[in-house]
Amino acid sequence: MSTPETSRFVRLRVEVVLEVDDADAVTKSALRRIADEAEMPASERAHAESAVTEDTAEALAYLVDPFDLVSQVPGVELQQASWSCERIDYDPDSPDWDLDEDDGDDSDG
């Protein structure tokens, strides 16, 4: 299905719910990652350290890299990525968390 009207670009949407059972380990890992970034300006480093120390979701956002999700996929190159983490109320038995639910997008994936 390669026609001039078909875009080579694909938006991949991924939603992941994680259970954090050791927030301290997540925070320490994020702080190590920040410390390893030698070229990070001091003001940016201080801000990043503060953010990951105050909020485990921020620490996770700092540790998760969308490039890692696709770097080993042959024939693709990551063009743009954005991501965020937030604390949520999660009930796996709730119909609100049905992963098979159609999100209203008519495109086939």
PDB file of N, CA and C in Angstrom:
ATOM      1  N   MET A   1       0.840  -1.182   0.000  1.00  0.00           N
ATOM      2  CA  MET A   1       0.000   0.000   0.000  1.00  0.00           C
ATOM      3  C   MET A   1       0.878   1.235   0.000  1.00  0.00           C
ATOM      4  N   SER A   2       1.613   1.394  -1.077  1.00  0.00           N
ATOM      5  CA  SER A   2       2.516   2.523  -1.189  1.00  0.00           C
ATOM      6  C   SER A   2       2.088   3.402  -2.351  1.00  0.00           C
ATOM      7  N   THR A   3       1.275   4.390  -2.063  1.00  0.00           N
ATOM      8  CA  THR A   3       0.840   5.343  -3.072  1.00  0.00           C
ATOM      9  C   THR A   3       1.357   6.710  -2.688  1.00  0.00           C
ATOM     10  N   PRO A   4       1.428   7.620  -3.634  1.00  0.00           N
ATOM     11  CA  PRO A   4       1.909   8.968  -3.302  1.00  0.00           C
ATOM     12  C   PRO A   4       1.083   9.659  -2.230  1.00  0.00           C
ATOM     13  N   GLU A   5      -0.194   9.258  -2.074  1.00  0.00           N
ATOM     14  CA  GLU A   5      -1.057   9.889  -1.077  1.00  0.00           C
ATOM     15  C   GLU A   5      -0.866   9.320   0.325  1.00  0.00           C
ATOM     16  N   THR A   6      -0.125   8.219   0.451  1.00  0.00           N
ATOM     17  CA  THR A   6       0.071   7.572   1.739  1.00  0.00           C
ATOM     18  C   THR A   6       1.295   8.165   2.435  1.00  0.00           C
ATOM     19  N   SER A   7       1.115   8.658   3.645  1.00  0.00           N
ATOM     20  CA  SER A   7       2.211   9.241   4.408  1.00  0.00           C
ATOM     21  C   SER A   7       3.146   8.160   4.919  1.00  0.00           C
ATOM     22  N   ARG A   8       4.408   8.479   4.985  1.00  0.00           N
ATOM     23  CA  ARG A   8       5.395   7.571   5.572  1.00  0.00           C
ATOM     24  C   ARG A   8       5.418   7.693   7.090  1.00  0.00           C
ATOM     25  N   PHE A   9       4.731   8.667   7.626  1.00  0.00           N
ATOM     26  CA  PHE A   9       4.767   8.928   9.056  1.00  0.00           C
ATOM     27  C   PHE A   9       3.599   8.248   9.752  1.00  0.00           C
ATOM     28  N   VAL A  10       3.878   7.655  10.907  1.00  0.00           N
ATOM     29  CA  VAL A  10       2.883   6.935  11.684  1.00  0.00           C
ATOM     30  C   VAL A  10       2.931   7.436  13.120  1.00  0.00           C
ATOM     31  N   ARG A  11       1.778   7.740  13.688  1.00  0.00           N
ATOM     32  CA  ARG A  11       1.710   8.106  15.103  1.00  0.00           C
ATOM     33  C   ARG A  11       1.393   6.843  15.892  1.00  0.00           C
ATOM     34  N   LEU A  12       2.272   6.495  16.808  1.00  0.00           N
ATOM     35  CA  LEU A  12       2.083   5.331  17.670  1.00  0.00           C
ATOM     36  C   LEU A  12       1.666   5.839  19.044  1.00  0.00           C
ATOM     37  N   ARG A  13       0.490   5.455  19.484  1.00  0.00           N
ATOM     38  CA  ARG A  13       0.009   5.871  20.809  1.00  0.00           C
ATOM     39  C   ARG A  13       0.136   4.691  21.751  1.00  0.00           C
ATOM     40  N   VAL A  14       0.773   4.930  22.866  1.00  0.00           N
ATOM     41  CA  VAL A  14       0.977   3.883  23.867  1.00  0.00           C
ATOM     42  C   VAL A  14       0.564   4.444  25.214  1.00  0.00           C
ATOM     43  N   GLU A  15      -0.252   3.687  25.932  1.00  0.00           N
ATOM     44  CA  GLU A  15      -0.602   4.086  27.297  1.00  0.00           C
ATOM     45  C   GLU A  15      -0.159   2.964  28.217  1.00  0.00           C
ATOM     46  N   VAL A  16       0.602   3.309  29.207  1.00  0.00           N
ATOM     47  CA  VAL A  16       1.156   2.327  30.134  1.00  0.00           C
ATOM     48  C   VAL A  16       0.790   2.749  31.551  1.00  0.00           C
ATOM     49  N   VAL A  17       0.294   1.812  32.339  1.00  0.00           N
ATOM     50  CA  VAL A  17       0.029   2.063  33.751  1.00  0.00           C
ATOM     51  C   VAL A  17       1.039   1.238  34.537  1.00  0.00           C
ATOM     52  N   LEU A  18       1.827   1.898  35.340  1.00  0.00           N
ATOM     53  CA  LEU A  18       2.848   1.247  36.140  1.00  0.00           C
ATOM     54  C   LEU A  18       2.489   1.312  37.614  1.00  0.00           C
ATOM     55  N   GLU A  19       2.826   0.268  38.334  1.00  0.00           N
ATOM     56  CA  GLU A  19       2.684   0.284  39.782  1.00  0.00           C
ATOM     57  C   GLU A  19       4.074   0.484  40.371  1.00  0.00           C
ATOM     58  N   VAL A  20       4.239   1.534  41.129  1.00  0.00           N
ATOM     59  CA  VAL A  20       5.525   1.837  41.746  1.00  0.00           C
ATOM     60  C   VAL A  20       5.514   1.273  43.157  1.00  0.00           C
ATOM     61  N   ASP A  21       6.323   0.236  43.369  1.00  0.00           N
ATOM     62  CA  ASP A  21       6.371  -0.350  44.704  1.00  0.00           C
ATOM     63  C   ASP A  21       7.635   0.037  45.452  1.00  0.00           C
ATOM     64  N   ASP A  22       8.535   0.779  44.802  1.00  0.00           N
ATOM     65  CA  ASP A  22       9.734   1.282  45.470  1.00  0.00           C
ATOM     66  C   ASP A  22      10.067   2.662  44.913  1.00  0.00           C
ATOM     67  N   ALA A  23       9.342   3.665  45.398  1.00  0.00           N
ATOM     68  CA  ALA A  23       9.519   5.037  44.919  1.00  0.00           C
ATOM     69  C   ALA A  23      10.937   5.530  45.147  1.00  0.00           C
ATOM     70  N   ASP A  24      11.551   5.106  46.235  1.00  0.00           N
ATOM     71  CA  ASP A  24      12.917   5.528  46.534  1.00  0.00           C
ATOM     72  C   ASP A  24      13.888   5.030  45.461  1.00  0.00           C
ATOM     73  N   ALA A  25      13.722   3.809  45.009  1.00  0.00           N
ATOM     74  CA  ALA A  25      14.594   3.253  43.966  1.00  0.00           C
ATOM     75  C   ALA A  25      14.416   4.023  42.655  1.00  0.00           C
ATOM     76  N   VAL A  26      13.182   4.391  42.329  1.00  0.00           N
ATOM     77  CA  VAL A  26      12.913   5.156  41.111  1.00  0.00           C
ATOM     78  C   VAL A  26      13.590   6.522  41.206  1.00  0.00           C
ATOM     79  N   THR A  27      13.420   7.183  42.337  1.00  0.00           N
ATOM     80  CA  THR A  27      14.019   8.505  42.531  1.00  0.00           C
ATOM     81  C   THR A  27      15.538   8.434  42.460  1.00  0.00           C
ATOM     82  N   LYS A  28      16.136   7.466  43.124  1.00  0.00           N
ATOM     83  CA  LYS A  28      17.594   7.327  43.096  1.00  0.00           C
ATOM     84  C   LYS A  28      18.110   7.064  41.691  1.00  0.00           C
ATOM     85  N   SER A  29      17.395   6.267  40.935  1.00  0.00           N
ATOM     86  CA  SER A  29      17.792   5.984  39.560  1.00  0.00           C
ATOM     87  C   SER A  29      17.733   7.247  38.706  1.00  0.00           C
ATOM     88  N   ALA A  30      16.681   8.029  38.870  1.00  0.00           N
ATOM     89  CA  ALA A  30      16.565   9.287  38.131  1.00  0.00           C
ATOM     90  C   ALA A  30      17.675  10.254  38.518  1.00  0.00           C
ATOM     91  N   LEU A  31      17.994  10.330  39.811  1.00  0.00           N
ATOM     92  CA  LEU A  31      19.084  11.202  40.258  1.00  0.00           C
ATOM     93  C   LEU A  31      20.429  10.755  39.679  1.00  0.00           C
ATOM     94  N   ARG A  32      20.646   9.432  39.580  1.00  0.00           N
ATOM     95  CA  ARG A  32      21.879   8.926  38.948  1.00  0.00           C
ATOM     96  C   ARG A  32      21.940   9.320  37.482  1.00  0.00           C
ATOM     97  N   ARG A  33      20.804   9.205  36.791  1.00  0.00           N
ATOM     98  CA  ARG A  33      20.754   9.581  35.370  1.00  0.00           C
ATOM     99  C   ARG A  33      21.089  11.057  35.204  1.00  0.00           C
ATOM    100  N   ILE A  34      20.553  11.895  36.079  1.00  0.00           N
ATOM    101  CA  ILE A  34      20.847  13.332  36.026  1.00  0.00           C
ATOM    102  C   ILE A  34      22.326  13.574  36.286  1.00  0.00           C
ATOM    103  N   ALA A  35      22.883  12.904  37.285  1.00  0.00           N
ATOM    104  CA  ALA A  35      24.296  13.079  37.626  1.00  0.00           C
ATOM    105  C   ALA A  35      25.207  12.653  36.472  1.00  0.00           C
ATOM    106  N   ASP A  36      24.776  11.679  35.683  1.00  0.00           N
ATOM    107  CA  ASP A  36      25.576  11.183  34.563  1.00  0.00           C
ATOM    108  C   ASP A  36      25.564  12.110  33.357  1.00  0.00           C
ATOM    109  N   GLU A  37      24.678  13.079  33.341  1.00  0.00           N
ATOM    110  CA  GLU A  37      24.595  14.016  32.215  1.00  0.00           C
ATOM    111  C   GLU A  37      25.566  15.171  32.446  1.00  0.00           C
ATOM    112  N   ALA A  38      26.791  14.947  32.025  1.00  0.00           N
ATOM    113  CA  ALA A  38      27.886  15.891  32.297  1.00  0.00           C
ATOM    114  C   ALA A  38      27.671  17.266  31.678  1.00  0.00           C
ATOM    115  N   GLU A  39      26.999  17.338  30.546  1.00  0.00           N
ATOM    116  CA  GLU A  39      26.846  18.615  29.854  1.00  0.00           C
ATOM    117  C   GLU A  39      25.604  19.402  30.278  1.00  0.00           C
ATOM    118  N   MET A  40      24.870  18.906  31.264  1.00  0.00           N
ATOM    119  CA  MET A  40      23.667  19.601  31.720  1.00  0.00           C
ATOM    120  C   MET A  40      24.065  20.845  32.518  1.00  0.00           C
ATOM    121  N   PRO A  41      23.510  22.004  32.156  1.00  0.00           N
ATOM    122  CA  PRO A  41      23.799  23.226  32.910  1.00  0.00           C
ATOM    123  C   PRO A  41      23.359  23.091  34.371  1.00  0.00           C
ATOM    124  N   ALA A  42      24.070  23.765  35.257  1.00  0.00           N
ATOM    125  CA  ALA A  42      23.812  23.651  36.697  1.00  0.00           C
ATOM    126  C   ALA A  42      22.376  24.027  37.065  1.00  0.00           C
ATOM    127  N   SER A  43      21.831  25.062  36.439  1.00  0.00           N
ATOM    128  CA  SER A  43      20.463  25.481  36.781  1.00  0.00           C
ATOM    129  C   SER A  43      19.450  24.423  36.335  1.00  0.00           C
ATOM    130  N   GLU A  44      19.673  23.828  35.175  1.00  0.00           N
ATOM    131  CA  GLU A  44      18.783  22.771  34.699  1.00  0.00           C
ATOM    132  C   GLU A  44      18.913  21.524  35.574  1.00  0.00           C
ATOM    133  N   ARG A  45      20.141  21.232  36.011  1.00  0.00           N
ATOM    134  CA  ARG A  45      20.386  20.088  36.888  1.00  0.00           C
ATOM    135  C   ARG A  45      19.644  20.263  38.220  1.00  0.00           C
ATOM    136  N   ALA A  46      19.734  21.436  38.788  1.00  0.00           N
ATOM    137  CA  ALA A  46      19.061  21.704  40.065  1.00  0.00           C
ATOM    138  C   ALA A  46      17.547  21.550  39.921  1.00  0.00           C
ATOM    139  N   HIS A  47      17.001  22.055  38.816  1.00  0.00           N
ATOM    140  CA  HIS A  47      15.565  21.947  38.578  1.00  0.00           C
ATOM    141  C   HIS A  47      15.167  20.477  38.412  1.00  0.00           C
ATOM    142  N   ALA A  48      15.922  19.717  37.627  1.00  0.00           N
ATOM    143  CA  ALA A  48      15.614  18.302  37.395  1.00  0.00           C
ATOM    144  C   ALA A  48      15.708  17.511  38.693  1.00  0.00           C
ATOM    145  N   GLU A  49      16.745  17.750  39.478  1.00  0.00           N
ATOM    146  CA  GLU A  49      16.908  17.043  40.756  1.00  0.00           C
ATOM    147  C   GLU A  49      15.737  17.331  41.693  1.00  0.00           C
ATOM    148  N   SER A  50      15.321  18.581  41.734  1.00  0.00           N
ATOM    149  CA  SER A  50      14.200  18.961  42.585  1.00  0.00           C
ATOM    150  C   SER A  50      12.914  18.276  42.120  1.00  0.00           C
ATOM    151  N   ALA A  51      12.670  18.286  40.830  1.00  0.00           N
ATOM    152  CA  ALA A  51      11.438  17.695  40.286  1.00  0.00           C
ATOM    153  C   ALA A  51      11.367  16.199  40.559  1.00  0.00           C
ATOM    154  N   VAL A  52      12.462  15.471  40.311  1.00  0.00           N
ATOM    155  CA  VAL A  52      12.408  14.012  40.492  1.00  0.00           C
ATOM    156  C   VAL A  52      12.392  13.624  41.962  1.00  0.00           C
ATOM    157  N   THR A  53      12.917  14.483  42.830  1.00  0.00           N
ATOM    158  CA  THR A  53      12.904  14.212  44.262  1.00  0.00           C
ATOM    159  C   THR A  53      11.518  14.430  44.858  1.00  0.00           C
ATOM    160  N   GLU A  54      10.802  15.420  44.335  1.00  0.00           N
ATOM    161  CA  GLU A  54       9.491  15.760  44.874  1.00  0.00           C
ATOM    162  C   GLU A  54       8.365  14.878  44.354  1.00  0.00           C
ATOM    163  N   ASP A  55       8.533  14.269  43.174  1.00  0.00           N
ATOM    164  CA  ASP A  55       7.419  13.547  42.545  1.00  0.00           C
ATOM    165  C   ASP A  55       7.939  12.314  41.815  1.00  0.00           C
ATOM    166  N   THR A  56       7.492  11.137  42.237  1.00  0.00           N
ATOM    167  CA  THR A  56       7.902   9.888  41.607  1.00  0.00           C
ATOM    168  C   THR A  56       7.488   9.845  40.141  1.00  0.00           C
ATOM    169  N   ALA A  57       6.341  10.432  39.809  1.00  0.00           N
ATOM    170  CA  ALA A  57       5.914  10.463  38.411  1.00  0.00           C
ATOM    171  C   ALA A  57       6.912  11.249  37.566  1.00  0.00           C
ATOM    172  N   GLU A  58       7.455  12.325  38.097  1.00  0.00           N
ATOM    173  CA  GLU A  58       8.480  13.094  37.385  1.00  0.00           C
ATOM    174  C   GLU A  58       9.750  12.268  37.215  1.00  0.00           C
ATOM    175  N   ALA A  59      10.097  11.511  38.243  1.00  0.00           N
ATOM    176  CA  ALA A  59      11.278  10.647  38.155  1.00  0.00           C
ATOM    177  C   ALA A  59      11.083   9.614  37.052  1.00  0.00           C
ATOM    178  N   LEU A  60       9.910   9.018  36.967  1.00  0.00           N
ATOM    179  CA  LEU A  60       9.631   8.051  35.897  1.00  0.00           C
ATOM    180  C   LEU A  60       9.708   8.707  34.528  1.00  0.00           C
ATOM    181  N   ALA A  61       9.135   9.888  34.403  1.00  0.00           N
ATOM    182  CA  ALA A  61       9.180  10.597  33.124  1.00  0.00           C
ATOM    183  C   ALA A  61      10.624  10.880  32.722  1.00  0.00           C
ATOM    184  N   TYR A  62      11.472  11.108  33.688  1.00  0.00           N
ATOM    185  CA  TYR A  62      12.882  11.360  33.400  1.00  0.00           C
ATOM    186  C   TYR A  62      13.593  10.081  32.952  1.00  0.00           C
ATOM    187  N   LEU A  63      13.161   8.937  33.465  1.00  0.00           N
ATOM    188  CA  LEU A  63      13.819   7.665  33.164  1.00  0.00           C
ATOM    189  C   LEU A  63      13.319   6.993  31.889  1.00  0.00           C
ATOM    190  N   VAL A  64      12.075   7.227  31.523  1.00  0.00           N
ATOM    191  CA  VAL A  64      11.488   6.568  30.356  1.00  0.00           C
ATOM    192  C   VAL A  64      11.830   7.380  29.111  1.00  0.00           C
ATOM    193  N   ASP A  65      12.367   6.679  28.105  1.00  0.00           N
ATOM    194  CA  ASP A  65      12.777   7.339  26.872  1.00  0.00           C
ATOM    195  C   ASP A  65      12.070   6.677  25.699  1.00  0.00           C
ATOM    196  N   PRO A  66      11.196   7.402  24.989  1.00  0.00           N
ATOM    197  CA  PRO A  66      10.499   6.806  23.849  1.00  0.00           C
ATOM    198  C   PRO A  66      11.440   6.242  22.785  1.00  0.00           C
ATOM    199  N   PHE A  67      12.620   6.807  22.662  1.00  0.00           N
ATOM    200  CA  PHE A  67      13.584   6.280  21.698  1.00  0.00           C
ATOM    201  C   PHE A  67      13.886   4.812  21.982  1.00  0.00           C
ATOM    202  N   ASP A  68      13.946   4.456  23.264  1.00  0.00           N
ATOM    203  CA  ASP A  68      14.219   3.063  23.639  1.00  0.00           C
ATOM    204  C   ASP A  68      13.136   2.111  23.127  1.00  0.00           C
ATOM    205  N   LEU A  69      11.911   2.609  22.983  1.00  0.00           N
ATOM    206  CA  LEU A  69      10.815   1.765  22.513  1.00  0.00           C
ATOM    207  C   LEU A  69      10.969   1.371  21.050  1.00  0.00           C
ATOM    208  N   VAL A  70      11.587   2.225  20.246  1.00  0.00           N
ATOM    209  CA  VAL A  70      11.646   1.970  18.807  1.00  0.00           C
ATOM    210  C   VAL A  70      13.056   1.866  18.251  1.00  0.00           C
ATOM    211  N   SER A  71      14.061   2.035  19.069  1.00  0.00           N
ATOM    212  CA  SER A  71      15.433   2.067  18.559  1.00  0.00           C
ATOM    213  C   SER A  71      15.863   0.768  17.902  1.00  0.00           C
ATOM    214  N   GLN A  72      15.282  -0.356  18.293  1.00  0.00           N
ATOM    215  CA  GLN A  72      15.654  -1.642  17.713  1.00  0.00           C
ATOM    216  C   GLN A  72      14.703  -2.107  16.607  1.00  0.00           C
ATOM    217  N   VAL A  73      13.736  -1.279  16.248  1.00  0.00           N
ATOM    218  CA  VAL A  73      12.789  -1.641  15.194  1.00  0.00           C
ATOM    219  C   VAL A  73      13.414  -1.292  13.848  1.00  0.00           C
ATOM    220  N   PRO A  74      13.610  -2.302  12.988  1.00  0.00           N
ATOM    221  CA  PRO A  74      14.241  -2.020  11.691  1.00  0.00           C
ATOM    222  C   PRO A  74      13.333  -1.197  10.784  1.00  0.00           C
ATOM    223  N   GLY A  75      13.941  -0.277  10.055  1.00  0.00           N
ATOM    224  CA  GLY A  75      13.205   0.483   9.056  1.00  0.00           C
ATOM    225  C   GLY A  75      12.470   1.694   9.564  1.00  0.00           C
ATOM    226  N   VAL A  76      12.647   2.060  10.840  1.00  0.00           N
ATOM    227  CA  VAL A  76      11.985   3.251  11.361  1.00  0.00           C
ATOM    228  C   VAL A  76      13.002   4.170  12.035  1.00  0.00           C
ATOM    229  N   GLU A  77      12.685   5.437  12.028  1.00  0.00           N
ATOM    230  CA  GLU A  77      13.505   6.426  12.720  1.00  0.00           C
ATOM    231  C   GLU A  77      12.579   7.354  13.487  1.00  0.00           C
ATOM    232  N   LEU A  78      12.822   7.509  14.782  1.00  0.00           N
ATOM    233  CA  LEU A  78      11.999   8.386  15.613  1.00  0.00           C
ATOM    234  C   LEU A  78      12.166   9.823  15.136  1.00  0.00           C
ATOM    235  N   GLN A  79      11.051  10.470  14.826  1.00  0.00           N
ATOM    236  CA  GLN A  79      11.072  11.848  14.350  1.00  0.00           C
ATOM    237  C   GLN A  79      10.737  12.845  15.447  1.00  0.00           C
ATOM    238  N   GLN A  80       9.820  12.474  16.315  1.00  0.00           N
ATOM    239  CA  GLN A  80       9.374  13.381  17.370  1.00  0.00           C
ATOM    240  C   GLN A  80       8.735  12.544  18.460  1.00  0.00           C
ATOM    241  N   ALA A  81       8.876  12.956  19.699  1.00  0.00           N
ATOM    242  CA  ALA A  81       8.239  12.244  20.803  1.00  0.00           C
ATOM    243  C   ALA A  81       7.920  13.211  21.920  1.00  0.00           C
ATOM    244  N   SER A  82       6.834  12.945  22.584  1.00  0.00           N
ATOM    245  CA  SER A  82       6.511  13.674  23.805  1.00  0.00           C
ATOM    246  C   SER A  82       5.875  12.674  24.745  1.00  0.00           C
ATOM    247  N   TRP A  83       6.074  12.867  26.017  1.00  0.00           N
ATOM    248  CA  TRP A  83       5.520  11.962  26.996  1.00  0.00           C
ATOM    249  C   TRP A  83       5.451  12.666  28.332  1.00  0.00           C
ATOM    250  N   SER A  84       4.612  12.127  29.186  1.00  0.00           N
ATOM    251  CA  SER A  84       4.468  12.675  30.525  1.00  0.00           C
ATOM    252  C   SER A  84       4.030  11.559  31.453  1.00  0.00           C
ATOM    253  N   CYS A  85       4.187  11.789  32.712  1.00  0.00           N
ATOM    254  CA  CYS A  85       3.734  10.850  33.732  1.00  0.00           C
ATOM    255  C   CYS A  85       2.882  11.618  34.729  1.00  0.00           C
ATOM    256  N   GLU A  86       1.893  10.940  35.273  1.00  0.00           N
ATOM    257  CA  GLU A  86       1.047  11.551  36.289  1.00  0.00           C
ATOM    258  C   GLU A  86       0.533  10.467  37.208  1.00  0.00           C
ATOM    259  N   ARG A  87       0.290  10.843  38.440  1.00  0.00           N
ATOM    260  CA  ARG A  87      -0.318   9.911  39.388  1.00  0.00           C
ATOM    261  C   ARG A  87      -1.789   9.780  39.033  1.00  0.00           C
ATOM    262  N   ILE A  88      -2.306   8.547  39.124  1.00  0.00           N
ATOM    263  CA  ILE A  88      -3.704   8.292  38.781  1.00  0.00           C
ATOM    264  C   ILE A  88      -4.328   7.364  39.810  1.00  0.00           C
ATOM    265  N   ASP A  89      -5.640   7.367  39.869  1.00  0.00           N
ATOM    266  CA  ASP A  89      -6.378   6.355  40.607  1.00  0.00           C
ATOM    267  C   ASP A  89      -6.613   5.224  39.631  1.00  0.00           C
ATOM    268  N   TYR A  90      -6.215   4.024  39.995  1.00  0.00           N
ATOM    269  CA  TYR A  90      -6.313   2.892  39.072  1.00  0.00           C
ATOM    270  C   TYR A  90      -7.100   1.764  39.706  1.00  0.00           C
ATOM    271  N   ASP A  91      -8.099   1.305  38.992  1.00  0.00           N
ATOM    272  CA  ASP A  91      -8.896   0.152  39.403  1.00  0.00           C
ATOM    273  C   ASP A  91      -8.983  -0.777  38.205  1.00  0.00           C
ATOM    274  N   PRO A  92      -8.199  -1.855  38.192  1.00  0.00           N
ATOM    275  CA  PRO A  92      -8.186  -2.736  37.020  1.00  0.00           C
ATOM    276  C   PRO A  92      -9.536  -3.381  36.735  1.00  0.00           C
ATOM    277  N   ASP A  93     -10.437  -3.404  37.702  1.00  0.00           N
ATOM    278  CA  ASP A  93     -11.753  -3.993  37.496  1.00  0.00           C
ATOM    279  C   ASP A  93     -12.781  -3.001  36.945  1.00  0.00           C
ATOM    280  N   SER A  94     -12.394  -1.739  36.884  1.00  0.00           N
ATOM    281  CA  SER A  94     -13.314  -0.716  36.409  1.00  0.00           C
ATOM    282  C   SER A  94     -13.426  -0.766  34.885  1.00  0.00           C
ATOM    283  N   PRO A  95     -14.633  -0.589  34.348  1.00  0.00           N
ATOM    284  CA  PRO A  95     -14.791  -0.564  32.890  1.00  0.00           C
ATOM    285  C   PRO A  95     -14.069   0.629  32.255  1.00  0.00           C
ATOM    286  N   ASP A  96     -13.735   1.634  33.048  1.00  0.00           N
ATOM    287  CA  ASP A  96     -12.993   2.782  32.531  1.00  0.00           C
ATOM    288  C   ASP A  96     -11.590   2.394  32.062  1.00  0.00           C
ATOM    289  N   TRP A  97     -11.096   1.260  32.517  1.00  0.00           N
ATOM    290  CA  TRP A  97      -9.727   0.830  32.192  1.00  0.00           C
ATOM    291  C   TRP A  97      -9.714  -0.326  31.202  1.00  0.00           C
ATOM    292  N   ASP A  98     -10.757  -0.467  30.411  1.00  0.00           N
ATOM    293  CA  ASP A  98     -10.831  -1.516  29.400  1.00  0.00           C
ATOM    294  C   ASP A  98      -9.906  -1.158  28.243  1.00  0.00           C
ATOM    295  N   LEU A  99      -8.779  -1.873  28.124  1.00  0.00           N
ATOM    296  CA  LEU A  99      -7.797  -1.570  27.088  1.00  0.00           C
ATOM    297  C   LEU A  99      -8.291  -1.912  25.693  1.00  0.00           C
ATOM    298  N   ASP A 100      -9.311  -2.744  25.578  1.00  0.00           N
ATOM    299  CA  ASP A 100      -9.839  -3.115  24.268  1.00  0.00           C
ATOM    300  C   ASP A 100     -10.878  -2.133  23.771  1.00  0.00           C
ATOM    301  N   GLU A 101     -11.192  -1.153  24.577  1.00  0.00           N
ATOM    302  CA  GLU A 101     -12.225  -0.190  24.235  1.00  0.00           C
ATOM    303  C   GLU A 101     -11.787   0.637  23.035  1.00  0.00           C
ATOM    304  N   ASP A 102     -12.699   0.869  22.088  1.00  0.00           N
ATOM    305  CA  ASP A 102     -12.430   1.695  20.925  1.00  0.00           C
ATOM    306  C   ASP A 102     -12.365   3.154  21.381  1.00  0.00           C
ATOM    307  N   ASP A 103     -11.286   3.849  21.008  1.00  0.00           N
ATOM    308  CA  ASP A 103     -11.123   5.232  21.437  1.00  0.00           C
ATOM    309  C   ASP A 103     -11.762   6.218  20.491  1.00  0.00           C
ATOM    310  N   GLY A 104     -12.526   5.702  19.514  1.00  0.00           N
ATOM    311  CA  GLY A 104     -13.211   6.603  18.581  1.00  0.00           C
ATOM    312  C   GLY A 104     -12.401   6.893  17.344  1.00  0.00           C
ATOM    313  N   ASP A 105     -11.161   6.462  17.270  1.00  0.00           N
ATOM    314  CA  ASP A 105     -10.312   6.665  16.106  1.00  0.00           C
ATOM    315  C   ASP A 105     -10.674   5.620  15.062  1.00  0.00           C
ATOM    316  N   ASP A 106     -11.006   6.052  13.865  1.00  0.00           N
ATOM    317  CA  ASP A 106     -11.423   5.120  12.824  1.00  0.00           C
ATOM    318  C   ASP A 106     -10.285   4.498  12.055  1.00  0.00           C
ATOM    319  N   SER A 107      -9.046   4.903  12.332  1.00  0.00           N
ATOM    320  CA  SER A 107      -7.918   4.344  11.587  1.00  0.00           C
ATOM    321  C   SER A 107      -7.550   2.980  12.130  1.00  0.00           C
ATOM    322  N   ASP A 108      -7.090   2.128  11.262  1.00  0.00           N
ATOM    323  CA  ASP A 108      -6.647   0.789  11.659  1.00  0.00           C
ATOM    324  C   ASP A 108      -5.180   0.831  11.949  1.00  0.00           C
ATOM    325  N   GLY A 109      -4.763   0.101  13.032  1.00  0.00           N
ATOM    326  CA  GLY A 109      -3.401   0.210  13.449  1.00  0.00           C
ATOM    327  C   GLY A 109      -2.565  -0.884  13.058  1.00  0.00           C
TER     328      GLY A 109
END
